[in-house]
Each structure stands twice: as C-alpha cells, then as structure tokens.
Amino acid sequence: MTDRAAPTGPGAARVGTPVPELLAPGPTLSFEFFPPRTPEAAATLRETVATLAPLAPAFVSVTYGAGGSTRDLTHGLVVDLLADGWNPVAHLTAVQHTRAELTAIVAGYRDAGVRNVLALRGDPPPDVEPFRELEHAADLVALVREVAGDGTGIGVAAHPEGHPLATSVAEDRRHLAAKLEAADYAVTQFFFEAVQWERLVADLAALGCTKPVLPGIMPVTNLAQIERFAQLSGATVPAWLVERLAAVGDDPAAVRAVGVEAATELCRDLLAAGAPGLHLYTLNRSTATREIAAALGLGA
C-alpha cells in the first residue's frame, strides 16, 4: 500500500477517531475491503483504494479470514491504511484463538494507533475445534474493551433476517441487544430491502437498545456470486431483484447496471428512514461504489 499517495479528499483523514464519534454528527459513508492474497490482488486493491480516496470515507473496515486465516494479512493492511491517512476498522474473530492470542492482537492494534475494532464470533472452518476460550462475540467485546480501553470504538455484526444459526429472529435480536450493551454500534450483513433494516432497529428499540446500526450494502454485479454469499450469510435475494436481473441476464454490463441501480435505491430508502450511514461492501473493486456515491451526491 505504500506505493500510492495518501488520500487527499476533504475529511479523508479521520485517523484515530472511534466510529461512534463519526456517527454522531450525521450519516457517514464507509467501505469494506479484504486482505489480498496475491500480488495481482494487491495491485487491484491499491488501485481501488486510490480511486475511492476522493469519496472521503469516514472509515474503512478490513475483514478477517475464517479461523484467523488472514491474521497477518489483515494486520498488515490495517496498519498500512492507517499510515496512509485512512481510519481503519480491524475485524477480529474469536474462532480458533486463545485469550492470550487475542489479547496480543488487540494490544498490537492499540499500540499502532488503531482505534476501531469489529468484534465477531466468526464462522469456524469445518472439521476443527472452533473455539478455544472465547465462544461468543460478547466475550470478545469485553476483551477488546479491557485491552484497548474506552478510547476504542467497538462494533459487532447484525443480521437483519436473523443469524443462520439462531433458533428464531426473536432469539437473534435478544443476543444482538445483549452484545450492544457492551459494544458501541453494529454493522449489518448485506440485505436488499430497507424495511429489513427498519424492522431490525425497531426490534432492538423494543428491547431498550438504541445503539447505532449501520446498514451494509452489497451491489449485485454478479447474480451467481450474490446468491452464494446469501446462502452463507442467511440473506434472502428477493424475487423482484432476481426478476430484474434475469431480464438482462445475458448482458453482464446490464446486470451490473441493474445491481447498482437497486443498491442506489436501497441507499436512498435507508437514508430517508434515518440510517446513521452507509457501509458499502466493495469486494475490493471501486466502480460500483463510485457510481452509487455519485448517484447519491456523496463524497468530495
């Protein structure tokens, strides 16, 4: 990441600011990246980051592979982004980590100046012992708070349709409200209709929880890919979106255009409904994100 210029768009450098402070003044724009595993993927990400810099995101999050499979890559990307003037949120999971290992990771981020962590239970790889000491996201939130201190913004994951492993949506809402008692905010898995976010927020409010819930948006640029992601996350791809995409299914450019249009409509609906911001899953590409931001009049 060090061979590109630091972002120069107005407000691009919010280094060290916890996400809750960024959400307080009004809706934010933020992005998610994942650590590249090959030189070619790294080059693509460098280009993406440089192209998105003028949009001046409030923060960018960096994912953490299953079972810590991208532990060093995640740490490296987070620290590089920080050095380049971005405000990174480091994803961290409890899967296959001891308390001592997690403590060392969090302390490393703290000492590097990273002030935001997204604490996740994580999805264990098959055929392994998934958890060594910490079994729940709430446990990881407590550890991050203890090690990093109160100056660190701590987020957790939310599932608008309920976590795939939950016995019911109501049970999932109770678990999320409990996590948010200790955490500062939540970021949702992707979804496609604003009413799903509205129901989630209303359900939490009924449980006495009013912490911010950032909606996560993933533009559909490839129907097969998004259906695979949906199966993993428990999200439903609505029939109306499938029909719109199927109508232009033989034209990849048209499919992408429909997906960007639908994501833009969702973003407008969410902002109108009072969402505290928009968190766009980029898949390390910039075009769809830039088109959505332009249509919404966001960014520098």
Protein backbone atom coordinates (compact mmCIF):
# COMPACT_ATOMS: atom_id res chain seq x y z
CA MET A 1 0.00 0.00 0.00
CA THR A 2 2.94 2.31 0.49
CA ASP A 3 3.50 2.98 -3.22
CA ARG A 4 0.45 5.22 -3.54
CA ALA A 5 -0.28 8.70 -2.28
CA ALA A 6 -2.31 9.20 0.86
CA PRO A 7 -5.95 10.17 0.29
CA THR A 8 -6.39 13.90 -0.20
CA GLY A 9 -10.19 14.35 -0.36
CA PRO A 10 -11.72 16.68 2.26
CA GLY A 11 -12.21 14.79 5.52
CA ALA A 12 -10.47 11.66 4.21
CA ALA A 13 -8.07 11.53 7.15
CA ARG A 14 -10.02 10.82 10.33
CA VAL A 15 -7.19 8.78 11.75
CA GLY A 16 -7.74 7.50 15.25
CA THR A 17 -11.36 8.64 15.56
CA PRO A 18 -13.69 5.99 17.01
CA VAL A 19 -16.66 5.19 14.78
CA PRO A 20 -19.27 6.28 17.39
CA GLU A 21 -17.82 9.81 17.29
CA LEU A 22 -18.04 9.81 13.49
CA LEU A 23 -21.67 8.72 13.51
CA ALA A 24 -22.81 11.40 15.95
CA PRO A 25 -22.92 14.43 13.57
CA GLY A 26 -24.90 12.66 10.82
CA PRO A 27 -24.84 9.91 8.18
CA THR A 28 -21.43 8.55 7.22
CA LEU A 29 -20.06 6.78 4.16
CA SER A 30 -17.71 3.85 4.71
CA PHE A 31 -16.26 0.89 2.83
CA GLU A 32 -15.13 -2.68 3.45
CA PHE A 33 -12.01 -4.26 1.98
CA PHE A 34 -10.50 -7.72 2.35
CA PRO A 35 -6.77 -8.56 2.52
CA PRO A 36 -5.34 -9.54 -0.87
CA ARG A 37 -3.60 -12.90 -1.06
CA THR A 38 -1.67 -12.47 -4.33
CA PRO A 39 0.43 -9.70 -5.90
CA GLU A 40 -2.22 -9.26 -8.58
CA ALA A 41 -4.96 -8.88 -5.98
CA ALA A 42 -2.80 -6.43 -4.05
CA ALA A 43 -2.37 -4.30 -7.17
CA THR A 44 -6.13 -4.30 -7.72
CA LEU A 45 -6.72 -3.18 -4.14
CA ARG A 46 -4.14 -0.40 -4.41
CA GLU A 47 -5.94 0.92 -7.46
CA THR A 48 -9.32 0.61 -5.72
CA VAL A 49 -8.15 2.44 -2.61
CA ALA A 50 -6.62 5.26 -4.66
CA THR A 51 -9.76 5.61 -6.77
CA LEU A 52 -12.06 5.71 -3.74
CA ALA A 53 -9.96 8.24 -1.80
CA PRO A 54 -11.81 11.31 -3.17
CA LEU A 55 -15.04 9.99 -1.62
CA ALA A 56 -13.52 10.73 1.81
CA PRO A 57 -15.00 7.78 3.73
CA ALA A 58 -15.41 8.18 7.47
CA PHE A 59 -13.70 4.82 7.91
CA VAL A 60 -12.82 1.61 6.09
CA SER A 61 -13.08 -1.88 7.55
CA VAL A 62 -10.78 -4.82 6.85
CA THR A 63 -12.06 -8.39 7.07
CA TYR A 64 -10.51 -11.28 8.98
CA GLY A 65 -10.45 -14.72 7.39
CA ALA A 66 -12.11 -17.77 8.93
CA GLY A 67 -10.09 -19.17 11.80
CA GLY A 68 -7.67 -16.26 11.58
CA SER A 69 -6.51 -17.39 8.13
CA THR A 70 -5.72 -13.79 7.15
CA ARG A 71 -4.47 -12.69 10.57
CA ASP A 72 -1.14 -11.26 9.40
CA LEU A 73 -2.59 -10.00 6.12
CA THR A 74 -5.38 -8.20 7.94
CA HIS A 75 -2.97 -6.63 10.40
CA GLY A 76 -0.65 -5.54 7.60
CA LEU A 77 -3.43 -3.96 5.57
CA VAL A 78 -4.91 -2.20 8.60
CA VAL A 79 -1.56 -0.72 9.59
CA ASP A 80 -0.78 0.31 6.00
CA LEU A 81 -4.14 2.05 5.65
CA LEU A 82 -3.56 3.84 8.94
CA ALA A 83 -0.12 5.02 7.81
CA ASP A 84 -1.62 6.27 4.55
CA GLY A 85 -4.10 8.50 6.33
CA TRP A 86 -7.21 6.33 6.46
CA ASN A 87 -9.24 5.45 9.56
CA PRO A 88 -9.32 1.63 9.59
CA VAL A 89 -11.64 -0.69 11.50
CA ALA A 90 -9.94 -4.03 12.11
CA HIS A 91 -12.20 -7.09 12.01
CA LEU A 92 -11.35 -9.69 14.64
CA THR A 93 -12.89 -13.11 15.34
CA ALA A 94 -12.73 -15.43 18.32
CA VAL A 95 -12.55 -18.60 16.23
CA GLN A 96 -9.52 -20.81 16.96
CA HIS A 97 -7.81 -18.16 19.09
CA THR A 98 -6.79 -18.30 22.72
CA ARG A 99 -7.41 -15.37 25.02
CA ALA A 100 -3.68 -14.67 25.06
CA GLU A 101 -3.52 -14.58 21.25
CA LEU A 102 -6.48 -12.22 21.03
CA THR A 103 -5.03 -10.01 23.75
CA ALA A 104 -1.78 -9.73 21.80
CA ILE A 105 -3.60 -8.86 18.56
CA VAL A 106 -5.70 -6.15 20.21
CA ALA A 107 -2.69 -4.73 22.05
CA GLY A 108 -0.81 -4.59 18.76
CA TYR A 109 -3.59 -2.57 17.16
CA ARG A 110 -3.81 -0.30 20.20
CA ASP A 111 -0.07 0.36 20.14
CA ALA A 112 -0.16 1.05 16.39
CA GLY A 113 -2.83 3.71 16.87
CA VAL A 114 -5.81 1.75 15.54
CA ARG A 115 -8.87 2.92 17.46
CA ASN A 116 -11.61 0.76 15.95
CA VAL A 117 -12.30 -2.97 16.10
CA LEU A 118 -15.22 -5.00 14.79
CA ALA A 119 -15.56 -7.90 17.25
CA LEU A 120 -17.02 -11.03 15.66
CA ARG A 121 -17.68 -14.54 16.87
CA GLY A 122 -16.60 -15.80 13.47
CA ASP A 123 -17.55 -18.77 11.33
CA PRO A 124 -15.38 -21.80 12.18
CA PRO A 125 -13.88 -23.85 9.34
CA PRO A 126 -15.29 -27.38 9.03
CA ASP A 127 -13.82 -30.29 10.97
CA VAL A 128 -11.89 -28.24 13.52
CA GLU A 129 -12.29 -27.35 17.15
CA PRO A 130 -13.82 -23.90 16.63
CA PHE A 131 -13.35 -22.13 19.96
CA ARG A 132 -10.53 -22.40 22.44
CA GLU A 133 -11.56 -19.98 25.17
CA LEU A 134 -13.93 -17.27 23.92
CA GLU A 135 -17.14 -18.66 22.44
CA HIS A 136 -19.26 -15.56 21.93
CA ALA A 137 -18.87 -12.15 20.33
CA ALA A 138 -19.84 -10.55 23.64
CA ASP A 139 -16.79 -12.20 25.23
CA LEU A 140 -14.57 -10.71 22.55
CA VAL A 141 -16.15 -7.27 23.01
CA ALA A 142 -15.27 -7.43 26.70
CA LEU A 143 -11.69 -8.44 25.93
CA VAL A 144 -11.23 -5.63 23.39
CA ARG A 145 -12.65 -3.10 25.85
CA GLU A 146 -10.30 -4.34 28.59
CA VAL A 147 -7.17 -4.33 26.44
CA ALA A 148 -7.77 -1.36 24.13
CA GLY A 149 -9.51 0.91 26.62
CA ASP A 150 -12.51 3.19 26.38
CA GLY A 151 -10.97 5.24 23.56
CA THR A 152 -11.58 2.41 21.08
CA GLY A 153 -14.80 2.13 19.10
CA ILE A 154 -16.12 -1.44 19.16
CA GLY A 155 -18.63 -2.72 16.64
CA VAL A 156 -20.44 -6.04 16.30
CA ALA A 157 -22.26 -7.81 13.47
CA ALA A 158 -26.03 -7.71 12.96
CA HIS A 159 -28.22 -9.92 10.77
CA PRO A 160 -31.42 -8.23 9.55
CA GLU A 161 -33.04 -11.61 8.84
CA GLY A 162 -31.54 -13.27 11.91
CA HIS A 163 -28.30 -15.21 12.25
CA PRO A 164 -28.41 -18.51 10.29
CA LEU A 165 -27.69 -20.47 13.49
CA ALA A 166 -30.30 -18.71 15.64
CA THR A 167 -33.43 -20.67 16.52
CA SER A 168 -35.57 -17.61 15.73
CA VAL A 169 -35.32 -13.97 14.76
CA ALA A 170 -36.52 -13.03 18.25
CA GLU A 171 -33.67 -15.00 19.82
CA ASP A 172 -31.18 -13.37 17.49
CA ARG A 173 -32.48 -9.90 18.40
CA ARG A 174 -32.04 -10.63 22.09
CA HIS A 175 -28.45 -11.77 21.52
CA LEU A 176 -27.72 -8.66 19.44
CA ALA A 177 -29.18 -6.36 22.08
CA ALA A 178 -27.01 -8.08 24.69
CA LYS A 179 -23.90 -7.60 22.54
CA LEU A 180 -24.75 -3.95 22.03
CA GLU A 181 -24.97 -3.35 25.77
CA ALA A 182 -21.17 -3.58 25.78
CA ALA A 183 -20.39 -2.58 22.17
CA ASP A 184 -20.85 0.85 20.58
CA TYR A 185 -22.57 0.08 17.29
CA ALA A 186 -23.45 -2.71 14.86
CA VAL A 187 -22.87 -3.25 11.15
CA THR A 188 -25.31 -5.45 9.27
CA GLN A 189 -24.75 -8.23 6.84
CA PHE A 190 -25.97 -7.24 3.39
CA PHE A 191 -29.67 -7.17 2.58
CA PHE A 192 -31.81 -5.76 -0.21
CA GLU A 193 -34.88 -4.02 1.23
CA ALA A 194 -34.87 -1.07 3.62
CA VAL A 195 -37.77 -2.49 5.60
CA GLN A 196 -35.43 -5.23 6.86
CA TRP A 197 -33.18 -2.64 8.48
CA GLU A 198 -36.19 -0.74 9.83
CA ARG A 199 -37.58 -3.89 11.45
CA LEU A 200 -34.21 -4.72 12.98
CA VAL A 201 -33.88 -1.25 14.52
CA ALA A 202 -37.48 -1.31 15.75
CA ASP A 203 -36.99 -4.73 17.33
CA LEU A 204 -33.87 -3.53 19.14
CA ALA A 205 -35.65 -0.39 20.33
CA ALA A 206 -38.42 -2.56 21.77
CA LEU A 207 -35.69 -4.31 23.79
CA GLY A 208 -34.38 -0.97 25.04
CA CYS A 209 -31.39 -0.86 22.66
CA THR A 210 -30.85 2.32 20.65
CA LYS A 211 -27.17 1.94 19.67
CA PRO A 212 -26.46 2.84 16.00
CA VAL A 213 -26.93 0.06 13.43
CA LEU A 214 -25.06 0.73 10.19
CA PRO A 215 -26.60 -0.95 7.16
CA GLY A 216 -24.21 -2.96 4.99
CA ILE A 217 -24.91 -2.74 1.25
CA MET A 218 -23.53 -5.02 -1.43
CA PRO A 219 -24.29 -4.10 -5.05
CA VAL A 220 -25.24 -7.14 -7.13
CA THR A 221 -22.84 -7.23 -10.05
CA ASN A 222 -22.99 -10.99 -10.50
CA LEU A 223 -26.16 -12.93 -9.64
CA ALA A 224 -24.47 -16.30 -9.07
CA GLN A 225 -21.94 -14.74 -6.71
CA ILE A 226 -24.50 -12.87 -4.67
CA GLU A 227 -26.70 -15.97 -4.34
CA ARG A 228 -23.68 -17.89 -2.99
CA PHE A 229 -22.94 -15.13 -0.49
CA ALA A 230 -26.60 -15.06 0.51
CA GLN A 231 -26.58 -18.79 1.25
CA LEU A 232 -23.58 -18.33 3.54
CA SER A 233 -25.00 -15.32 5.38
CA GLY A 234 -28.64 -16.33 5.54
CA ALA A 235 -29.75 -13.33 3.47
CA THR A 236 -32.65 -13.62 1.03
CA VAL A 237 -32.34 -12.31 -2.51
CA PRO A 238 -35.88 -11.01 -3.15
CA ALA A 239 -37.84 -12.23 -6.15
CA TRP A 240 -38.24 -8.74 -7.59
CA LEU A 241 -34.45 -8.30 -7.74
CA VAL A 242 -33.93 -11.74 -9.29
CA GLU A 243 -36.55 -10.88 -11.93
CA ARG A 244 -34.91 -7.56 -12.75
CA LEU A 245 -31.53 -9.24 -13.09
CA ALA A 246 -32.89 -12.22 -15.02
CA ALA A 247 -34.46 -9.86 -17.55
CA VAL A 248 -30.96 -8.77 -18.62
CA GLY A 249 -29.16 -11.97 -17.65
CA ASP A 250 -27.35 -12.40 -20.98
CA ASP A 251 -25.70 -9.00 -20.71
CA PRO A 252 -23.12 -8.72 -17.90
CA ALA A 253 -22.93 -4.93 -18.22
CA ALA A 254 -26.70 -4.66 -17.94
CA VAL A 255 -26.72 -6.98 -14.90
CA ARG A 256 -24.18 -4.75 -13.21
CA ALA A 257 -26.19 -1.64 -14.08
CA VAL A 258 -29.35 -3.14 -12.59
CA GLY A 259 -27.46 -4.15 -9.44
CA VAL A 260 -26.01 -0.67 -8.99
CA GLU A 261 -29.42 0.90 -9.57
CA ALA A 262 -31.05 -1.37 -6.99
CA ALA A 263 -28.31 -0.66 -4.45
CA THR A 264 -28.68 3.06 -5.02
CA GLU A 265 -32.44 2.83 -4.46
CA LEU A 266 -31.79 0.91 -1.25
CA CYS A 267 -29.34 3.55 -0.03
CA ARG A 268 -31.83 6.34 -0.70
CA ASP A 269 -34.54 4.48 1.19
CA LEU A 270 -32.21 3.82 4.12
CA LEU A 271 -31.11 7.44 4.43
CA ALA A 272 -34.74 8.53 4.26
CA ALA A 273 -35.53 6.07 7.04
CA GLY A 274 -32.84 7.59 9.27
CA ALA A 275 -29.91 5.21 8.82
CA PRO A 276 -26.76 6.50 10.57
CA GLY A 277 -24.68 5.86 7.47
CA LEU A 278 -23.98 3.54 4.58
CA HIS A 279 -21.32 0.81 4.70
CA LEU A 280 -20.56 -0.47 1.20
CA TYR A 281 -19.05 -3.91 0.61
CA THR A 282 -16.64 -3.19 -2.24
CA LEU A 283 -15.22 -6.68 -2.86
CA ASN A 284 -12.01 -4.68 -3.46
CA ARG A 285 -13.45 -3.02 -6.57
CA SER A 286 -14.33 0.65 -6.93
CA THR A 287 -16.62 1.15 -9.91
CA ALA A 288 -19.99 0.22 -8.38
CA THR A 289 -19.16 2.09 -5.16
CA ARG A 290 -18.23 5.25 -7.07
CA GLU A 291 -21.38 5.06 -9.18
CA ILE A 292 -23.60 4.69 -6.11
CA ALA A 293 -21.88 7.57 -4.34
CA ALA A 294 -22.20 9.77 -7.41
CA ALA A 295 -25.91 8.99 -7.79
CA LEU A 296 -26.44 9.90 -4.14
CA GLY A 297 -24.31 13.04 -4.29
CA LEU A 298 -21.92 11.71 -1.64
CA GLY A 299 -18.20 12.23 -1.27
CA ALA A 300 -15.88 15.08 -2.02
